[in-house]
Amino acid sequence: MSEKVCEHCSGKSKERSEKEYKDLLNRLSRIEGQVRGVKAMVERDAYCTDIITQVAAINAALNSFNKVLLANHIKTCVTQDIKDGKEETVDELVATLQKLMK
């Protein structure tokens, strides 16, 4: 997979394996489908608890996505940065974990 640069990510980028790339995109596509499903439920006046149940499933899917992404980040980016002496990466990881635990 080629390295992609995101203007929102402080110029940092991550080269992902084809497998990781496809897995992340598949997860996001499923989540996107779930969100469209909830929108359709609201449009057809579905019962509140049915919508809430689907939103809970979306939240669980997003949490699962974050767990996979974070594990990959720690195993690759963080580990390599620490080996390279970039201690600020630990501070960045701590800040990221604090955002996830709000």
Protein backbone atom coordinates (compact mmCIF):
# COMPACT_ATOMS: atom_id res chain seq x y z
CA MET A 1 0.00 0.00 0.00
CA SER A 2 1.38 3.42 -0.79
CA GLU A 3 1.86 5.96 1.95
CA LYS A 4 -0.94 8.50 2.17
CA VAL A 5 -0.53 11.97 3.65
CA CYS A 6 -3.40 13.66 5.46
CA GLU A 7 -3.33 17.43 5.84
CA HIS A 8 -5.27 17.09 9.11
CA CYS A 9 -2.69 14.79 10.76
CA SER A 10 0.25 17.15 11.30
CA GLY A 11 1.86 15.93 8.09
CA LYS A 12 2.23 12.44 9.52
CA SER A 13 1.19 9.42 7.54
CA LYS A 14 1.07 5.67 7.92
CA GLU A 15 1.89 3.01 5.39
CA ARG A 16 -0.53 0.13 5.92
CA SER A 17 -0.37 -3.40 4.65
CA GLU A 18 -2.98 -4.34 2.06
CA LYS A 19 -4.69 -6.57 4.65
CA GLU A 20 -4.86 -3.83 7.30
CA TYR A 21 -6.07 -1.30 4.73
CA LYS A 22 -8.86 -3.59 3.48
CA ASP A 23 -9.89 -4.58 7.00
CA LEU A 24 -10.21 -0.96 8.13
CA LEU A 25 -12.15 0.04 5.02
CA ASN A 26 -14.49 -2.97 5.35
CA ARG A 27 -15.20 -2.08 8.96
CA LEU A 28 -15.92 1.53 8.02
CA SER A 29 -18.18 0.46 5.16
CA ARG A 30 -20.22 -1.71 7.53
CA ILE A 31 -20.49 1.17 10.01
CA GLU A 32 -21.52 3.52 7.21
CA GLY A 33 -24.24 1.05 6.23
CA GLN A 34 -25.45 0.86 9.82
CA VAL A 35 -25.66 4.66 10.02
CA ARG A 36 -27.66 4.77 6.77
CA GLY A 37 -29.94 2.13 8.26
CA VAL A 38 -30.56 4.24 11.35
CA LYS A 39 -31.30 7.25 9.17
CA ALA A 40 -33.86 5.18 7.27
CA MET A 41 -35.39 4.06 10.57
CA VAL A 42 -35.82 7.68 11.67
CA GLU A 43 -37.30 8.58 8.27
CA ARG A 44 -39.92 5.83 8.58
CA ASP A 45 -40.71 6.69 12.21
CA ALA A 46 -39.34 3.48 13.72
CA TYR A 47 -39.85 2.83 17.40
CA CYS A 48 -37.36 4.67 19.64
CA THR A 49 -35.88 1.65 21.37
CA ASP A 50 -35.28 -0.07 18.03
CA ILE A 51 -33.28 2.96 16.88
CA ILE A 52 -31.40 3.13 20.18
CA THR A 53 -30.47 -0.55 19.84
CA GLN A 54 -29.04 0.08 16.38
CA VAL A 55 -27.13 3.17 17.57
CA ALA A 56 -25.64 1.05 20.37
CA ALA A 57 -24.48 -1.44 17.72
CA ILE A 58 -22.87 1.42 15.77
CA ASN A 59 -21.09 2.62 18.91
CA ALA A 60 -19.80 -0.91 19.54
CA ALA A 61 -18.58 -1.15 15.94
CA LEU A 62 -16.78 2.20 16.21
CA ASN A 63 -15.18 1.11 19.49
CA SER A 64 -14.04 -2.10 17.84
CA PHE A 65 -12.61 -0.12 14.91
CA ASN A 66 -10.70 2.11 17.36
CA LYS A 67 -9.33 -0.92 19.23
CA VAL A 68 -7.99 -2.47 16.01
CA LEU A 69 -6.54 0.83 14.79
CA LEU A 70 -4.97 1.61 18.18
CA ALA A 71 -3.43 -1.86 18.48
CA ASN A 72 -1.92 -1.55 15.00
CA HIS A 73 -0.66 1.95 15.84
CA ILE A 74 1.05 0.76 19.02
CA LYS A 75 2.57 -2.31 17.32
CA THR A 76 3.96 -0.29 14.42
CA CYS A 77 4.21 3.49 14.73
CA VAL A 78 4.70 3.80 18.48
CA THR A 79 7.13 0.88 18.70
CA GLN A 80 9.23 2.19 15.82
CA ASP A 81 9.25 5.76 17.15
CA ILE A 82 10.43 4.55 20.57
CA LYS A 83 13.19 2.51 18.93
CA ASP A 84 14.15 5.67 17.01
CA GLY A 85 14.32 7.66 20.26
CA LYS A 86 11.18 9.73 19.61
CA GLU A 87 9.91 9.82 23.18
CA GLU A 88 7.25 12.44 22.33
CA THR A 89 5.29 9.63 20.72
CA VAL A 90 4.46 8.30 24.19
CA ASP A 91 2.95 11.68 25.11
CA GLU A 92 0.95 11.62 21.88
CA LEU A 93 -0.30 8.12 22.69
CA VAL A 94 -1.33 9.18 26.21
CA ALA A 95 -3.23 12.17 24.78
CA THR A 96 -4.96 9.90 22.27
CA LEU A 97 -5.98 7.44 24.98
CA GLN A 98 -7.35 10.30 27.09
CA LYS A 99 -9.51 11.41 24.14
CA LEU A 100 -10.82 7.87 23.72
CA MET A 101 -11.74 7.62 27.40
CA LYS A 102 -13.86 10.77 27.62
